Amino acid sequence: MKALYWTFGLSWSAFLAFHLLGGRVGSPVYAAFGLLYMWIPGLTALYLARKEGVRLPLALRLNRYWLFAWLFPVALTLLSIPLSLPFGAWKGWEALRQTAPQEAAQAIPETLSALFPLVLILSALVAGATVNLLAALGEELLWRGYLWEKLKVRGFWPASLEIGFWWGLWHAPLILAGHNYPREPLLGVPMMILFTLALTPALLWVREKGGSILAPALLHGTLNAIAGLSLILVERTHDLLIGVVGLPGLFLLSLFNL
């Protein structure tokens, strides 16, 4: 499919250029590059959709499925924490304070420390519905937009499996460079593909029920904002066994799909 050739070619070439110029995961410019990488599929989708007359609905007609898209990542993340505990020790709520800037952490009275997790969750919800939504929209325009419109004639599950596979493989350069699974980059590639295979049905479901590509972008963006919580509160003994993008998240998504 033309969209995949363009997306993979441009995305992987951009990453190669970034890497050769000295860019690395976690470097100061990585966030900016990540935004560019996320929008390469979106720009490809917009170009091909306009050229081919493919409809990419971006209506803002809120319904209860948008609320599901917004809250589902929170539930997924919070449930993944106890499921991670057999593989890593609980680090305690104090670990959250240590992730905040020192000035911000010191400004929080000890009496309000118990509210800090709630503040982080609310912050993730705000980010997921604003800046993270706009970033995630770059990916969703292709994977749950253009490709879904092209493949949905095959049926929900066959299309979901194909989209999920290509979406996961598209992440390969980032994963090999240390994104998400820094200590397991090689095994991280198939793990990411399994994760995107498991997550795609939920994204396609809210895409259809929500009537807009913005709905899966909301879910995607909120998940990106809050997923790190599961890695902060549990000792990261093994990248593949801890957190939302590890075995606990894969298990929970599989239950949801069933």
Protein backbone atom coordinates (compact mmCIF):
# COMPACT_ATOMS: atom_id res chain seq x y z
CA MET A 1 0.00 0.00 0.00
CA LYS A 2 1.32 3.41 -1.03
CA ALA A 3 0.65 4.98 2.37
CA LEU A 4 2.84 2.42 4.13
CA TYR A 5 5.72 2.84 1.67
CA TRP A 6 5.71 6.60 2.15
CA THR A 7 5.23 6.47 5.91
CA PHE A 8 7.94 3.91 6.60
CA GLY A 9 10.34 5.42 4.09
CA LEU A 10 10.02 8.97 5.40
CA SER A 11 9.84 8.01 9.10
CA TRP A 12 12.78 5.65 9.11
CA SER A 13 14.86 8.00 6.95
CA ALA A 14 14.11 10.84 9.37
CA PHE A 15 15.21 8.69 12.29
CA LEU A 16 18.42 7.67 10.49
CA ALA A 17 19.24 11.32 9.85
CA PHE A 18 18.47 12.18 13.49
CA HIS A 19 20.72 9.37 14.71
CA LEU A 20 23.60 10.21 12.36
CA LEU A 21 23.48 13.82 13.50
CA GLY A 22 23.99 12.67 17.08
CA GLY A 23 20.40 12.63 18.28
CA ARG A 24 19.59 10.10 20.97
CA VAL A 25 16.56 9.00 22.99
CA GLY A 26 16.35 11.21 26.06
CA SER A 27 18.41 14.04 24.57
CA PRO A 28 17.06 17.61 24.76
CA VAL A 29 15.97 17.55 21.10
CA TYR A 30 14.34 14.13 21.25
CA ALA A 31 10.91 15.50 22.22
CA ALA A 32 10.89 17.76 19.17
CA PHE A 33 12.01 14.91 16.93
CA GLY A 34 9.36 12.64 18.45
CA LEU A 35 6.68 15.15 17.50
CA LEU A 36 7.99 15.25 13.94
CA TYR A 37 8.11 11.45 13.81
CA MET A 38 4.51 11.21 15.03
CA TRP A 39 3.30 13.65 12.38
CA ILE A 40 4.98 12.04 9.37
CA PRO A 41 2.15 9.44 9.16
CA GLY A 42 -0.42 12.21 9.60
CA LEU A 43 0.97 14.39 6.82
CA THR A 44 1.17 11.34 4.56
CA ALA A 45 -2.47 10.50 5.34
CA LEU A 46 -3.65 14.06 4.70
CA TYR A 47 -1.87 14.18 1.34
CA LEU A 48 -3.14 10.82 0.12
CA ALA A 49 -6.66 11.36 1.47
CA ARG A 50 -6.97 14.64 -0.40
CA LYS A 51 -5.53 13.12 -3.55
CA GLU A 52 -7.79 10.05 -3.44
CA GLY A 53 -10.90 11.62 -1.94
CA VAL A 54 -10.75 9.57 1.27
CA ARG A 55 -12.80 11.03 4.11
CA LEU A 56 -10.95 11.66 7.39
CA PRO A 57 -13.64 12.76 9.90
CA LEU A 58 -12.43 15.29 12.46
CA ALA A 59 -15.78 16.40 13.87
CA LEU A 60 -15.97 17.41 17.54
CA ARG A 61 -19.30 15.79 18.39
CA LEU A 62 -18.85 14.57 21.93
CA ASN A 63 -20.64 11.49 23.25
CA ARG A 64 -20.05 8.94 26.00
CA TYR A 65 -17.41 7.14 23.94
CA TRP A 66 -15.19 10.19 24.12
CA LEU A 67 -15.42 9.96 27.91
CA PHE A 68 -14.38 6.31 27.66
CA ALA A 69 -11.45 7.31 25.43
CA TRP A 70 -10.37 9.85 28.05
CA LEU A 71 -10.67 7.65 31.14
CA PHE A 72 -9.72 4.23 29.75
CA PRO A 73 -5.96 5.00 29.81
CA VAL A 74 -6.23 6.00 33.47
CA ALA A 75 -7.92 2.72 34.39
CA LEU A 76 -5.46 0.75 32.28
CA THR A 77 -2.49 2.41 33.96
CA LEU A 78 -3.78 2.11 37.52
CA LEU A 79 -4.71 -1.56 37.06
CA SER A 80 -1.30 -2.33 35.58
CA ILE A 81 0.41 -1.21 38.79
CA PRO A 82 -0.73 -4.08 41.08
CA LEU A 83 -0.19 -6.53 38.22
CA SER A 84 3.41 -5.32 38.01
CA LEU A 85 4.15 -5.96 41.69
CA PRO A 86 5.01 -9.69 41.29
CA PHE A 87 7.90 -8.56 39.06
CA GLY A 88 9.02 -5.39 40.84
CA ALA A 89 8.89 -3.91 44.33
CA TRP A 90 6.47 -1.11 45.24
CA LYS A 91 8.46 2.14 45.47
CA GLY A 92 5.84 4.16 47.34
CA TRP A 93 4.06 7.43 46.62
CA GLU A 94 7.18 9.35 47.59
CA ALA A 95 8.65 8.23 44.27
CA LEU A 96 6.18 10.55 42.54
CA ARG A 97 7.48 13.57 44.42
CA GLN A 98 11.00 12.73 43.31
CA THR A 99 9.97 12.98 39.65
CA ALA A 100 8.69 16.53 40.07
CA PRO A 101 11.03 19.56 39.86
CA GLN A 102 12.64 20.16 43.24
CA GLU A 103 11.01 23.56 43.69
CA ALA A 104 7.55 22.15 42.90
CA ALA A 105 8.01 19.18 45.23
CA GLN A 106 9.14 21.40 48.10
CA ALA A 107 6.16 23.68 47.58
CA ILE A 108 3.75 20.83 48.30
CA PRO A 109 3.00 20.64 52.05
CA GLU A 110 3.43 17.24 53.66
CA THR A 111 -0.24 17.30 54.59
CA LEU A 112 -1.13 17.38 50.90
CA SER A 113 1.31 14.68 49.80
CA ALA A 114 -1.51 12.15 49.60
CA LEU A 115 -3.13 14.32 46.93
CA PHE A 116 -0.03 14.35 44.71
CA PRO A 117 -1.06 11.20 42.76
CA LEU A 118 -4.45 12.80 42.08
CA VAL A 119 -2.75 15.96 40.85
CA LEU A 120 -0.61 13.92 38.45
CA ILE A 121 -3.64 12.04 37.13
CA LEU A 122 -5.55 15.28 36.58
CA SER A 123 -2.51 16.78 34.86
CA ALA A 124 -2.32 13.74 32.57
CA LEU A 125 -6.02 14.11 31.72
CA VAL A 126 -5.53 17.77 30.83
CA ALA A 127 -2.44 17.00 28.73
CA GLY A 128 -4.21 14.09 27.04
CA ALA A 129 -7.05 16.34 25.91
CA THR A 130 -4.80 19.17 24.71
CA VAL A 131 -1.14 19.03 23.66
CA ASN A 132 -0.89 15.24 23.70
CA LEU A 133 -4.06 14.92 21.63
CA LEU A 134 -2.57 17.16 18.94
CA ALA A 135 0.65 15.13 18.94
CA ALA A 136 -1.17 11.77 18.82
CA LEU A 137 -3.43 13.04 16.04
CA GLY A 138 -0.44 12.82 13.71
CA GLU A 139 -0.39 9.05 14.11
CA GLU A 140 -4.14 8.58 14.28
CA LEU A 141 -4.76 10.33 10.95
CA LEU A 142 -3.02 7.41 9.29
CA TRP A 143 -3.56 4.34 11.47
CA ARG A 144 -7.17 4.91 12.59
CA GLY A 145 -7.95 7.33 9.79
CA TYR A 146 -6.73 6.67 6.26
CA LEU A 147 -5.78 2.99 6.74
CA TRP A 148 -9.02 2.19 8.56
CA GLU A 149 -11.04 3.74 5.74
CA LYS A 150 -9.10 1.59 3.25
CA LEU A 151 -9.19 -1.68 5.19
CA LYS A 152 -12.52 -1.73 7.05
CA VAL A 153 -14.20 -3.56 4.17
CA ARG A 154 -12.24 -6.62 5.34
CA GLY A 155 -14.00 -6.52 8.71
CA PHE A 156 -13.12 -5.10 12.12
CA TRP A 157 -10.74 -7.78 13.38
CA PRO A 158 -8.75 -8.46 10.18
CA ALA A 159 -8.31 -4.71 9.66
CA SER A 160 -7.41 -4.22 13.32
CA LEU A 161 -4.72 -6.90 13.17
CA GLU A 162 -3.15 -5.47 10.03
CA ILE A 163 -3.20 -1.89 11.27
CA GLY A 164 -1.87 -2.93 14.68
CA PHE A 165 1.01 -4.85 13.12
CA TRP A 166 2.16 -2.04 10.83
CA TRP A 167 1.73 0.53 13.60
CA GLY A 168 3.92 -1.49 15.94
CA LEU A 169 6.59 -2.12 13.30
CA TRP A 170 6.69 1.60 12.51
CA HIS A 171 8.00 2.15 16.07
CA ALA A 172 10.99 -0.18 15.49
CA PRO A 173 13.76 2.44 15.08
CA LEU A 174 12.66 4.23 18.25
CA ILE A 175 12.48 0.99 20.21
CA LEU A 176 15.89 -0.17 19.01
CA ALA A 177 17.30 3.18 20.10
CA GLY A 178 15.97 2.69 23.63
CA HIS A 179 12.45 4.13 23.67
CA ASN A 180 9.99 2.34 26.03
CA TYR A 181 12.27 -0.68 26.58
CA PRO A 182 15.77 0.80 27.10
CA ARG A 183 17.27 -2.41 28.54
CA GLU A 184 15.54 -4.76 26.10
CA PRO A 185 15.66 -2.99 22.71
CA LEU A 186 15.70 -6.16 20.59
CA LEU A 187 12.89 -7.93 22.43
CA GLY A 188 11.18 -4.58 22.71
CA VAL A 189 10.35 -4.54 18.99
CA PRO A 190 8.11 -7.67 19.03
CA MET A 191 6.75 -6.58 22.42
CA MET A 192 5.71 -3.23 20.97
CA ILE A 193 4.04 -5.00 18.04
CA LEU A 194 2.09 -7.18 20.48
CA PHE A 195 1.11 -4.07 22.43
CA THR A 196 -0.11 -2.17 19.36
CA LEU A 197 -2.00 -5.27 18.18
CA ALA A 198 -3.76 -5.36 21.56
CA LEU A 199 -4.43 -1.61 21.73
CA THR A 200 -5.67 -1.07 18.17
CA PRO A 201 -9.17 -2.61 18.70
CA ALA A 202 -9.92 -0.12 21.48
CA LEU A 203 -8.72 2.77 19.32
CA LEU A 204 -10.77 1.63 16.32
CA TRP A 205 -13.81 1.08 18.53
CA VAL A 206 -13.78 4.65 19.85
CA ARG A 207 -12.99 5.88 16.33
CA GLU A 208 -16.24 4.34 15.09
CA LYS A 209 -18.40 5.01 18.13
CA GLY A 210 -17.01 8.50 18.62
CA GLY A 211 -17.49 9.34 14.95
CA SER A 212 -14.15 11.13 14.68
CA ILE A 213 -10.40 10.51 14.48
CA LEU A 214 -10.09 12.93 17.40
CA ALA A 215 -11.59 10.28 19.72
CA PRO A 216 -8.74 7.72 19.33
CA ALA A 217 -6.29 10.65 19.40
CA LEU A 218 -7.74 11.53 22.83
CA LEU A 219 -7.23 7.96 24.06
CA HIS A 220 -3.75 7.75 22.54
CA GLY A 221 -2.68 11.14 23.88
CA THR A 222 -3.97 10.46 27.39
CA LEU A 223 -2.25 7.09 27.47
CA ASN A 224 1.04 8.73 26.47
CA ALA A 225 0.56 11.24 29.29
CA ILE A 226 -0.19 8.79 32.09
CA ALA A 227 1.53 5.51 31.18
CA GLY A 228 4.76 6.55 32.89
CA LEU A 229 3.00 6.47 36.26
CA SER A 230 3.14 2.67 36.25
CA LEU A 231 6.92 2.81 35.76
CA ILE A 232 7.49 5.34 38.54
CA LEU A 233 5.65 3.51 41.31
CA VAL A 234 7.06 0.03 40.67
CA GLU A 235 10.74 -0.85 40.53
CA ARG A 236 11.64 -1.39 36.89
CA THR A 237 13.32 -4.76 37.23
CA HIS A 238 12.53 -5.84 33.67
CA ASP A 239 11.28 -3.65 30.84
CA LEU A 240 8.96 -6.29 29.43
CA LEU A 241 7.30 -7.22 32.71
CA ILE A 242 6.47 -3.84 34.24
CA GLY A 243 3.84 -1.23 33.43
CA VAL A 244 1.32 -0.51 30.72
CA VAL A 245 3.62 -1.27 27.79
CA GLY A 246 4.80 -4.46 29.49
CA LEU A 247 3.12 -7.75 30.26
CA PRO A 248 0.50 -6.25 32.68
CA GLY A 249 -0.81 -3.84 30.04
CA LEU A 250 -0.83 -6.56 27.42
CA PHE A 251 -2.84 -8.80 29.74
CA LEU A 252 -5.39 -6.08 30.53
CA LEU A 253 -5.86 -5.15 26.87
CA SER A 254 -6.33 -8.79 25.97
CA LEU A 255 -9.10 -9.05 28.57
CA PHE A 256 -10.74 -5.93 27.17
CA ASN A 257 -10.64 -7.33 23.64
CA LEU A 258 -12.17 -10.61 24.76
